[in-house]
Amino acid sequence: MELKDILNWAFERHLNPLSWYIRPVFLIILAYFAYRRSWKGLVVTFLLMMSSMFWFPAPPKINSQMHEVLKYEKMLLSNPISATITITIMFIFIVMIVRAFWKHSLRMGLFILNAALIGKLVLALIFTGENGWGPLGNTIFGLILVNGIGFYLLYKMRNKKL
């Protein structure tokens, strides 16, 4: 099986919206294990997050905007140079998130998580035009989830109840 065949198989499944909506959940879990300074939890969560695009079946109906965004991502990952750059940038954001929470900087962690979520949408809009609005739903979901939990924790910390 060639890399192209593997990418096609994976991206068919990644078109399932569930694989997009589960990523912010993993970011929260990753932040939790970083805050608790659990290397085992970080490694397991990272591996689960990276493999989550394969978990769901290919959807019967495909959102055309999401399809175009993923087609662009697939193109980036098909070229060794752009794949290296893309994976490096993604890894830098993951390290920044983990580092912020490891140091117990909830505000900085929330800032980086928000930048990552919004940045992915902005890049999708820049590189795929109107199709970049495809991931808007999961971006809003991620922002509500991340900020809802984050602001709740900040509130609890301010009131010394956490």
N, C-alpha and C. Protein backbone atom coordinates (compact mmCIF):
# COMPACT_ATOMS: atom_id res chain seq x y z
N MET A 1 0.85 -1.18 0.00
CA MET A 1 0.00 0.00 0.00
C MET A 1 0.90 1.25 0.00
N GLU A 2 0.65 2.13 -0.93
CA GLU A 2 1.45 3.35 -1.05
C GLU A 2 0.93 4.44 -0.13
N LEU A 3 1.77 5.46 0.11
CA LEU A 3 1.40 6.58 0.96
C LEU A 3 0.14 7.26 0.42
N LYS A 4 0.04 7.37 -0.89
CA LYS A 4 -1.13 8.01 -1.51
C LYS A 4 -2.41 7.25 -1.17
N ASP A 5 -2.35 5.93 -1.20
CA ASP A 5 -3.51 5.11 -0.86
C ASP A 5 -3.90 5.27 0.60
N ILE A 6 -2.89 5.32 1.47
CA ILE A 6 -3.16 5.51 2.90
C ILE A 6 -3.79 6.87 3.14
N LEU A 7 -3.24 7.92 2.51
CA LEU A 7 -3.82 9.26 2.65
C LEU A 7 -5.26 9.31 2.16
N ASN A 8 -5.54 8.68 1.03
CA ASN A 8 -6.91 8.65 0.51
C ASN A 8 -7.86 7.96 1.48
N TRP A 9 -7.44 6.81 2.00
CA TRP A 9 -8.25 6.06 2.96
C TRP A 9 -8.51 6.91 4.21
N ALA A 10 -7.45 7.54 4.74
CA ALA A 10 -7.58 8.34 5.96
C ALA A 10 -8.46 9.57 5.73
N PHE A 11 -8.27 10.25 4.63
CA PHE A 11 -9.02 11.48 4.40
C PHE A 11 -10.49 11.22 4.08
N GLU A 12 -10.80 10.05 3.54
CA GLU A 12 -12.22 9.69 3.37
C GLU A 12 -12.90 9.64 4.72
N ARG A 13 -12.22 9.08 5.70
CA ARG A 13 -12.79 8.98 7.04
C ARG A 13 -12.75 10.31 7.77
N HIS A 14 -11.74 11.13 7.48
CA HIS A 14 -11.61 12.43 8.13
C HIS A 14 -12.70 13.40 7.64
N LEU A 15 -13.36 13.08 6.56
CA LEU A 15 -14.48 13.89 6.09
C LEU A 15 -15.70 13.74 7.00
N ASN A 16 -15.70 12.72 7.85
CA ASN A 16 -16.77 12.54 8.82
C ASN A 16 -16.65 13.67 9.85
N PRO A 17 -17.69 14.48 10.01
CA PRO A 17 -17.62 15.62 10.94
C PRO A 17 -17.24 15.23 12.37
N LEU A 18 -17.54 14.00 12.77
CA LEU A 18 -17.18 13.58 14.12
C LEU A 18 -15.67 13.63 14.35
N SER A 19 -14.90 13.38 13.31
CA SER A 19 -13.44 13.41 13.48
C SER A 19 -12.95 14.85 13.67
N TRP A 20 -13.72 15.83 13.22
CA TRP A 20 -13.34 17.23 13.42
C TRP A 20 -13.80 17.71 14.80
N TYR A 21 -14.95 17.23 15.25
CA TYR A 21 -15.49 17.69 16.53
C TYR A 21 -14.79 17.06 17.73
N ILE A 22 -14.14 15.93 17.53
CA ILE A 22 -13.49 15.27 18.67
C ILE A 22 -12.14 15.90 19.00
N ARG A 23 -11.53 16.61 18.07
CA ARG A 23 -10.20 17.20 18.30
C ARG A 23 -10.17 18.18 19.47
N PRO A 24 -11.12 19.11 19.58
CA PRO A 24 -11.09 20.03 20.74
C PRO A 24 -11.23 19.29 22.08
N VAL A 25 -11.95 18.18 22.07
CA VAL A 25 -12.08 17.38 23.30
C VAL A 25 -10.70 16.86 23.69
N PHE A 26 -9.95 16.38 22.71
CA PHE A 26 -8.60 15.90 22.99
C PHE A 26 -7.67 17.02 23.44
N LEU A 27 -7.87 18.22 22.92
CA LEU A 27 -7.06 19.35 23.37
C LEU A 27 -7.29 19.63 24.85
N ILE A 28 -8.54 19.51 25.29
CA ILE A 28 -8.87 19.70 26.70
C ILE A 28 -8.19 18.61 27.55
N ILE A 29 -8.27 17.38 27.08
CA ILE A 29 -7.66 16.26 27.81
C ILE A 29 -6.13 16.43 27.85
N LEU A 30 -5.55 16.86 26.73
CA LEU A 30 -4.12 17.12 26.67
C LEU A 30 -3.73 18.20 27.68
N ALA A 31 -4.51 19.27 27.73
CA ALA A 31 -4.25 20.35 28.68
C ALA A 31 -4.35 19.83 30.12
N TYR A 32 -5.33 18.98 30.38
CA TYR A 32 -5.50 18.42 31.72
C TYR A 32 -4.26 17.63 32.14
N PHE A 33 -3.78 16.74 31.26
CA PHE A 33 -2.62 15.93 31.62
C PHE A 33 -1.35 16.77 31.71
N ALA A 34 -1.26 17.83 30.93
CA ALA A 34 -0.12 18.73 31.06
C ALA A 34 -0.17 19.44 32.41
N TYR A 35 -1.35 19.89 32.80
CA TYR A 35 -1.52 20.56 34.09
C TYR A 35 -1.16 19.62 35.24
N ARG A 36 -1.53 18.36 35.09
CA ARG A 36 -1.23 17.34 36.11
C ARG A 36 0.20 16.80 35.98
N ARG A 37 0.90 17.23 34.93
CA ARG A 37 2.28 16.82 34.65
C ARG A 37 2.41 15.30 34.52
N SER A 38 1.51 14.74 33.74
CA SER A 38 1.49 13.30 33.51
C SER A 38 2.00 13.01 32.09
N TRP A 39 3.25 12.54 32.01
CA TRP A 39 3.81 12.20 30.69
C TRP A 39 3.03 11.07 30.03
N LYS A 40 2.65 10.08 30.81
CA LYS A 40 1.89 8.95 30.26
C LYS A 40 0.57 9.45 29.66
N GLY A 41 -0.15 10.28 30.40
CA GLY A 41 -1.40 10.83 29.90
C GLY A 41 -1.21 11.66 28.65
N LEU A 42 -0.13 12.44 28.61
CA LEU A 42 0.16 13.27 27.43
C LEU A 42 0.42 12.41 26.20
N VAL A 43 1.25 11.40 26.36
CA VAL A 43 1.61 10.54 25.22
C VAL A 43 0.38 9.79 24.70
N VAL A 44 -0.40 9.19 25.60
CA VAL A 44 -1.59 8.44 25.19
C VAL A 44 -2.60 9.38 24.51
N THR A 45 -2.83 10.54 25.12
CA THR A 45 -3.79 11.50 24.54
C THR A 45 -3.32 11.98 23.18
N PHE A 46 -2.04 12.28 23.04
CA PHE A 46 -1.51 12.73 21.75
C PHE A 46 -1.69 11.66 20.68
N LEU A 47 -1.39 10.42 21.02
CA LEU A 47 -1.55 9.32 20.05
C LEU A 47 -3.02 9.13 19.68
N LEU A 48 -3.90 9.21 20.66
CA LEU A 48 -5.33 9.09 20.37
C LEU A 48 -5.81 10.25 19.50
N MET A 49 -5.36 11.46 19.81
CA MET A 49 -5.77 12.63 19.03
C MET A 49 -5.31 12.51 17.58
N MET A 50 -4.07 12.07 17.38
CA MET A 50 -3.54 11.96 16.02
C MET A 50 -4.21 10.82 15.23
N SER A 51 -4.67 9.80 15.93
CA SER A 51 -5.30 8.68 15.24
C SER A 51 -6.80 8.86 15.06
N SER A 52 -7.38 9.88 15.69
CA SER A 52 -8.84 10.02 15.70
C SER A 52 -9.43 10.25 14.31
N MET A 53 -8.63 10.69 13.36
CA MET A 53 -9.17 10.89 12.02
C MET A 53 -9.51 9.57 11.33
N PHE A 54 -9.01 8.46 11.87
CA PHE A 54 -9.26 7.15 11.26
C PHE A 54 -10.42 6.41 11.93
N TRP A 55 -10.92 6.90 13.02
CA TRP A 55 -11.88 6.15 13.83
C TRP A 55 -13.26 6.03 13.20
N PHE A 56 -13.67 7.00 12.46
CA PHE A 56 -15.06 7.08 12.01
C PHE A 56 -15.16 6.63 10.56
N PRO A 57 -16.31 6.07 10.20
CA PRO A 57 -16.47 5.64 8.80
C PRO A 57 -16.58 6.85 7.88
N ALA A 58 -16.30 6.60 6.62
CA ALA A 58 -16.49 7.67 5.63
C ALA A 58 -17.97 8.07 5.64
N PRO A 59 -18.26 9.36 5.62
CA PRO A 59 -19.66 9.78 5.69
C PRO A 59 -20.40 9.50 4.39
N PRO A 60 -21.71 9.20 4.48
CA PRO A 60 -22.47 8.96 3.26
C PRO A 60 -22.63 10.23 2.42
N LYS A 61 -22.73 11.38 3.10
CA LYS A 61 -22.85 12.66 2.41
C LYS A 61 -21.70 13.54 2.87
N ILE A 62 -21.05 14.19 1.92
CA ILE A 62 -19.86 14.98 2.22
C ILE A 62 -20.16 16.47 2.06
N ASN A 63 -19.82 17.24 3.10
CA ASN A 63 -19.92 18.69 3.02
C ASN A 63 -18.88 19.17 2.01
N SER A 64 -19.31 19.85 0.96
CA SER A 64 -18.38 20.24 -0.11
C SER A 64 -17.30 21.20 0.38
N GLN A 65 -17.64 22.09 1.32
CA GLN A 65 -16.63 23.01 1.84
C GLN A 65 -15.58 22.26 2.64
N MET A 66 -16.02 21.34 3.50
CA MET A 66 -15.07 20.56 4.28
C MET A 66 -14.20 19.70 3.35
N HIS A 67 -14.81 19.20 2.30
CA HIS A 67 -14.07 18.39 1.33
C HIS A 67 -12.94 19.20 0.71
N GLU A 68 -13.21 20.45 0.33
CA GLU A 68 -12.18 21.30 -0.28
C GLU A 68 -11.07 21.64 0.71
N VAL A 69 -11.44 21.91 1.96
CA VAL A 69 -10.43 22.20 2.99
C VAL A 69 -9.54 20.98 3.20
N LEU A 70 -10.16 19.82 3.30
CA LEU A 70 -9.37 18.60 3.50
C LEU A 70 -8.55 18.24 2.27
N LYS A 71 -9.07 18.57 1.10
CA LYS A 71 -8.30 18.34 -0.13
C LYS A 71 -7.02 19.17 -0.10
N TYR A 72 -7.13 20.41 0.40
CA TYR A 72 -5.95 21.26 0.53
C TYR A 72 -4.99 20.69 1.57
N GLU A 73 -5.53 20.26 2.72
CA GLU A 73 -4.68 19.66 3.76
C GLU A 73 -3.98 18.41 3.22
N LYS A 74 -4.72 17.62 2.46
CA LYS A 74 -4.15 16.40 1.88
C LYS A 74 -3.01 16.75 0.92
N MET A 75 -3.19 17.82 0.14
CA MET A 75 -2.15 18.28 -0.77
C MET A 75 -0.91 18.69 0.02
N LEU A 76 -1.12 19.40 1.14
CA LEU A 76 0.00 19.82 1.98
C LEU A 76 0.77 18.61 2.51
N LEU A 77 0.04 17.58 2.93
CA LEU A 77 0.68 16.40 3.51
C LEU A 77 1.24 15.44 2.46
N SER A 78 0.90 15.65 1.20
CA SER A 78 1.40 14.79 0.13
C SER A 78 2.79 15.21 -0.34
N ASN A 79 3.15 16.47 -0.10
CA ASN A 79 4.45 17.00 -0.50
C ASN A 79 5.38 16.95 0.71
N PRO A 80 6.54 16.32 0.57
CA PRO A 80 7.43 16.18 1.74
C PRO A 80 7.81 17.51 2.41
N ILE A 81 8.06 18.53 1.63
CA ILE A 81 8.48 19.82 2.21
C ILE A 81 7.32 20.48 2.95
N SER A 82 6.16 20.59 2.30
CA SER A 82 5.02 21.23 2.96
C SER A 82 4.50 20.36 4.11
N ALA A 83 4.63 19.05 3.99
CA ALA A 83 4.21 18.16 5.09
C ALA A 83 5.09 18.39 6.31
N THR A 84 6.38 18.53 6.09
CA THR A 84 7.31 18.78 7.20
C THR A 84 6.99 20.11 7.87
N ILE A 85 6.74 21.13 7.07
CA ILE A 85 6.42 22.46 7.63
C ILE A 85 5.10 22.40 8.40
N THR A 86 4.08 21.78 7.81
CA THR A 86 2.76 21.69 8.44
C THR A 86 2.83 20.93 9.76
N ILE A 87 3.48 19.78 9.75
CA ILE A 87 3.59 18.96 10.96
C ILE A 87 4.42 19.68 12.02
N THR A 88 5.46 20.39 11.59
CA THR A 88 6.30 21.14 12.53
C THR A 88 5.49 22.24 13.21
N ILE A 89 4.71 23.00 12.44
CA ILE A 89 3.89 24.06 13.02
C ILE A 89 2.86 23.48 13.98
N MET A 90 2.23 22.38 13.58
CA MET A 90 1.25 21.73 14.46
C MET A 90 1.93 21.27 15.76
N PHE A 91 3.10 20.68 15.63
CA PHE A 91 3.82 20.19 16.80
C PHE A 91 4.24 21.34 17.72
N ILE A 92 4.65 22.47 17.13
CA ILE A 92 5.01 23.65 17.93
C ILE A 92 3.82 24.12 18.75
N PHE A 93 2.63 24.17 18.14
CA PHE A 93 1.44 24.57 18.88
C PHE A 93 1.13 23.58 20.01
N ILE A 94 1.26 22.30 19.74
CA ILE A 94 1.02 21.29 20.78
C ILE A 94 2.00 21.48 21.93
N VAL A 95 3.27 21.69 21.62
CA VAL A 95 4.28 21.89 22.66
C VAL A 95 3.98 23.17 23.44
N MET A 96 3.57 24.23 22.76
CA MET A 96 3.24 25.48 23.45
C MET A 96 2.05 25.29 24.40
N ILE A 97 1.05 24.55 23.95
CA ILE A 97 -0.12 24.28 24.80
C ILE A 97 0.30 23.48 26.03
N VAL A 98 1.05 22.40 25.79
CA VAL A 98 1.50 21.55 26.89
C VAL A 98 2.37 22.35 27.85
N ARG A 99 3.27 23.14 27.33
CA ARG A 99 4.18 23.92 28.20
C ARG A 99 3.40 24.91 29.05
N ALA A 100 2.43 25.60 28.46
CA ALA A 100 1.65 26.58 29.23
C ALA A 100 0.91 25.90 30.37
N PHE A 101 0.26 24.79 30.10
CA PHE A 101 -0.49 24.11 31.15
C PHE A 101 0.44 23.40 32.14
N TRP A 102 1.58 22.91 31.66
CA TRP A 102 2.56 22.28 32.54
C TRP A 102 3.03 23.29 33.60
N LYS A 103 3.18 24.54 33.16
CA LYS A 103 3.62 25.61 34.07
C LYS A 103 2.44 26.21 34.85
N HIS A 104 1.28 25.60 34.69
CA HIS A 104 0.05 26.02 35.38
C HIS A 104 -0.38 27.43 34.99
N SER A 105 -0.10 27.82 33.75
CA SER A 105 -0.52 29.12 33.24
C SER A 105 -1.80 28.93 32.44
N LEU A 106 -2.91 28.95 33.16
CA LEU A 106 -4.21 28.73 32.53
C LEU A 106 -4.51 29.81 31.50
N ARG A 107 -4.21 31.06 31.81
CA ARG A 107 -4.49 32.15 30.86
C ARG A 107 -3.68 31.99 29.57
N MET A 108 -2.38 31.70 29.70
CA MET A 108 -1.55 31.52 28.52
C MET A 108 -2.01 30.29 27.73
N GLY A 109 -2.35 29.22 28.41
CA GLY A 109 -2.86 28.03 27.73
C GLY A 109 -4.12 28.31 26.96
N LEU A 110 -5.04 29.07 27.57
CA LEU A 110 -6.28 29.43 26.88
C LEU A 110 -5.99 30.31 25.67
N PHE A 111 -5.06 31.23 25.82
CA PHE A 111 -4.68 32.10 24.70
C PHE A 111 -4.16 31.27 23.53
N ILE A 112 -3.27 30.33 23.82
CA ILE A 112 -2.68 29.50 22.76
C ILE A 112 -3.73 28.59 22.14
N LEU A 113 -4.60 27.99 22.95
CA LEU A 113 -5.68 27.16 22.41
C LEU A 113 -6.58 27.97 21.49
N ASN A 114 -6.95 29.17 21.91
CA ASN A 114 -7.79 30.03 21.08
C ASN A 114 -7.08 30.41 19.78
N ALA A 115 -5.79 30.74 19.89
CA ALA A 115 -5.02 31.09 18.69
C ALA A 115 -4.96 29.91 17.72
N ALA A 116 -4.80 28.71 18.25
CA ALA A 116 -4.73 27.52 17.39
C ALA A 116 -6.07 27.26 16.70
N LEU A 117 -7.16 27.34 17.47
CA LEU A 117 -8.48 27.08 16.89
C LEU A 117 -8.86 28.13 15.85
N ILE A 118 -8.67 29.39 16.20
CA ILE A 118 -9.01 30.47 15.27
C ILE A 118 -8.03 30.50 14.10
N GLY A 119 -6.75 30.26 14.39
CA GLY A 119 -5.74 30.25 13.34
C GLY A 119 -6.01 29.21 12.27
N LYS A 120 -6.47 28.03 12.67
CA LYS A 120 -6.77 26.99 11.68
C LYS A 120 -7.90 27.44 10.75
N LEU A 121 -8.91 28.10 11.32
CA LEU A 121 -10.01 28.61 10.49
C LEU A 121 -9.52 29.71 9.56
N VAL A 122 -8.71 30.62 10.08
CA VAL A 122 -8.18 31.72 9.26
C VAL A 122 -7.34 31.17 8.11
N LEU A 123 -6.48 30.21 8.41
CA LEU A 123 -5.65 29.61 7.35
C LEU A 123 -6.51 28.89 6.31
N ALA A 124 -7.57 28.22 6.77
CA ALA A 124 -8.48 27.56 5.82
C ALA A 124 -9.11 28.60 4.90
N LEU A 125 -9.50 29.74 5.45
CA LEU A 125 -10.10 30.81 4.63
C LEU A 125 -9.08 31.39 3.66
N ILE A 126 -7.85 31.60 4.12
CA ILE A 126 -6.80 32.17 3.26
C ILE A 126 -6.49 31.23 2.10
N PHE A 127 -6.34 29.94 2.40
CA PHE A 127 -5.87 29.01 1.38
C PHE A 127 -6.98 28.34 0.57
N THR A 128 -8.22 28.35 1.06
CA THR A 128 -9.28 27.70 0.29
C THR A 128 -10.46 28.64 0.00
N GLY A 129 -10.30 29.92 0.30
CA GLY A 129 -11.36 30.88 0.00
C GLY A 129 -12.63 30.61 0.80
N GLU A 130 -13.76 30.77 0.14
CA GLU A 130 -15.06 30.58 0.79
C GLU A 130 -15.22 29.19 1.40
N ASN A 131 -14.53 28.22 0.84
CA ASN A 131 -14.61 26.86 1.39
C ASN A 131 -14.04 26.78 2.80
N GLY A 132 -13.21 27.74 3.16
CA GLY A 132 -12.62 27.77 4.48
C GLY A 132 -13.63 27.91 5.61
N TRP A 133 -14.88 28.26 5.25
CA TRP A 133 -15.92 28.34 6.27
C TRP A 133 -16.41 26.95 6.67
N GLY A 134 -16.00 25.92 5.97
CA GLY A 134 -16.43 24.55 6.27
C GLY A 134 -16.20 24.14 7.72
N PRO A 135 -15.03 24.41 8.29
CA PRO A 135 -14.80 24.01 9.68
C PRO A 135 -15.32 25.01 10.73
N LEU A 136 -16.15 25.95 10.33
CA LEU A 136 -16.64 26.96 11.28
C LEU A 136 -17.38 26.32 12.45
N GLY A 137 -18.23 25.34 12.18
CA GLY A 137 -19.01 24.70 13.24
C GLY A 137 -18.13 24.06 14.30
N ASN A 138 -17.13 23.29 13.87
CA ASN A 138 -16.28 22.65 14.87
C ASN A 138 -15.36 23.66 15.55
N THR A 139 -15.04 24.76 14.87
CA THR A 139 -14.24 25.81 15.52
C THR A 139 -15.05 26.48 16.62
N ILE A 140 -16.29 26.78 16.35
CA ILE A 140 -17.15 27.39 17.37
C ILE A 140 -17.35 26.42 18.53
N PHE A 141 -17.59 25.15 18.21
CA PHE A 141 -17.72 24.14 19.26
C PHE A 141 -16.46 24.11 20.12
N GLY A 142 -15.29 24.08 19.48
CA GLY A 142 -14.03 24.05 20.22
C GLY A 142 -13.83 25.28 21.08
N LEU A 143 -14.16 26.45 20.54
CA LEU A 143 -14.01 27.69 21.30
C LEU A 143 -14.94 27.71 22.51
N ILE A 144 -16.18 27.27 22.32
CA ILE A 144 -17.13 27.23 23.44
C ILE A 144 -16.65 26.24 24.50
N LEU A 145 -16.21 25.07 24.07
CA LEU A 145 -15.73 24.05 25.01
C LEU A 145 -14.50 24.53 25.78
N VAL A 146 -13.49 24.96 25.05
CA VAL A 146 -12.22 25.38 25.67
C VAL A 146 -12.44 26.57 26.59
N ASN A 147 -13.12 27.59 26.10
CA ASN A 147 -13.30 28.80 26.90
C ASN A 147 -14.30 28.60 28.03
N GLY A 148 -15.32 27.79 27.80
CA GLY A 148 -16.27 27.50 28.88
C GLY A 148 -15.58 26.84 30.06
N ILE A 149 -14.80 25.81 29.78
CA ILE A 149 -14.08 25.12 30.85
C ILE A 149 -13.01 26.05 31.44
N GLY A 150 -12.29 26.75 30.57
CA GLY A 150 -11.23 27.63 31.04
C GLY A 150 -11.73 28.75 31.93
N PHE A 151 -12.80 29.42 31.51
CA PHE A 151 -13.33 30.52 32.32
C PHE A 151 -13.95 30.01 33.62
N TYR A 152 -14.53 28.84 33.59
CA TYR A 152 -15.05 28.23 34.82
C TYR A 152 -13.89 27.99 35.80
N LEU A 153 -12.79 27.43 35.30
CA LEU A 153 -11.64 27.17 36.16
C LEU A 153 -11.02 28.47 36.68
N LEU A 154 -10.93 29.49 35.82
CA LEU A 154 -10.41 30.78 36.27
C LEU A 154 -11.29 31.36 37.37
N TYR A 155 -12.60 31.24 37.21
CA TYR A 155 -13.55 31.73 38.22
C TYR A 155 -13.34 30.99 39.54
N LYS A 156 -13.23 29.67 39.45
CA LYS A 156 -13.03 28.87 40.66
C LYS A 156 -11.69 29.21 41.33
N MET A 157 -10.66 29.41 40.53
CA MET A 157 -9.35 29.74 41.09
C MET A 157 -9.36 31.10 41.77
N ARG A 158 -10.07 32.04 41.18
CA ARG A 158 -10.16 33.38 41.75
C ARG A 158 -10.87 33.33 43.10
N ASN A 159 -11.86 32.47 43.21
CA ASN A 159 -12.62 32.35 44.45
C ASN A 159 -12.05 31.30 45.39
N LYS A 160 -10.85 30.76 45.02
CA LYS A 160 -10.14 29.80 45.87
C LYS A 160 -10.93 28.55 46.18
N LYS A 161 -11.82 28.19 45.27
CA LYS A 161 -12.63 26.98 45.49
C LYS A 161 -12.07 25.79 44.73
N LEU A 162 -10.99 25.99 44.03
CA LEU A 162 -10.40 24.91 43.24
C LEU A 162 -9.08 24.50 43.84
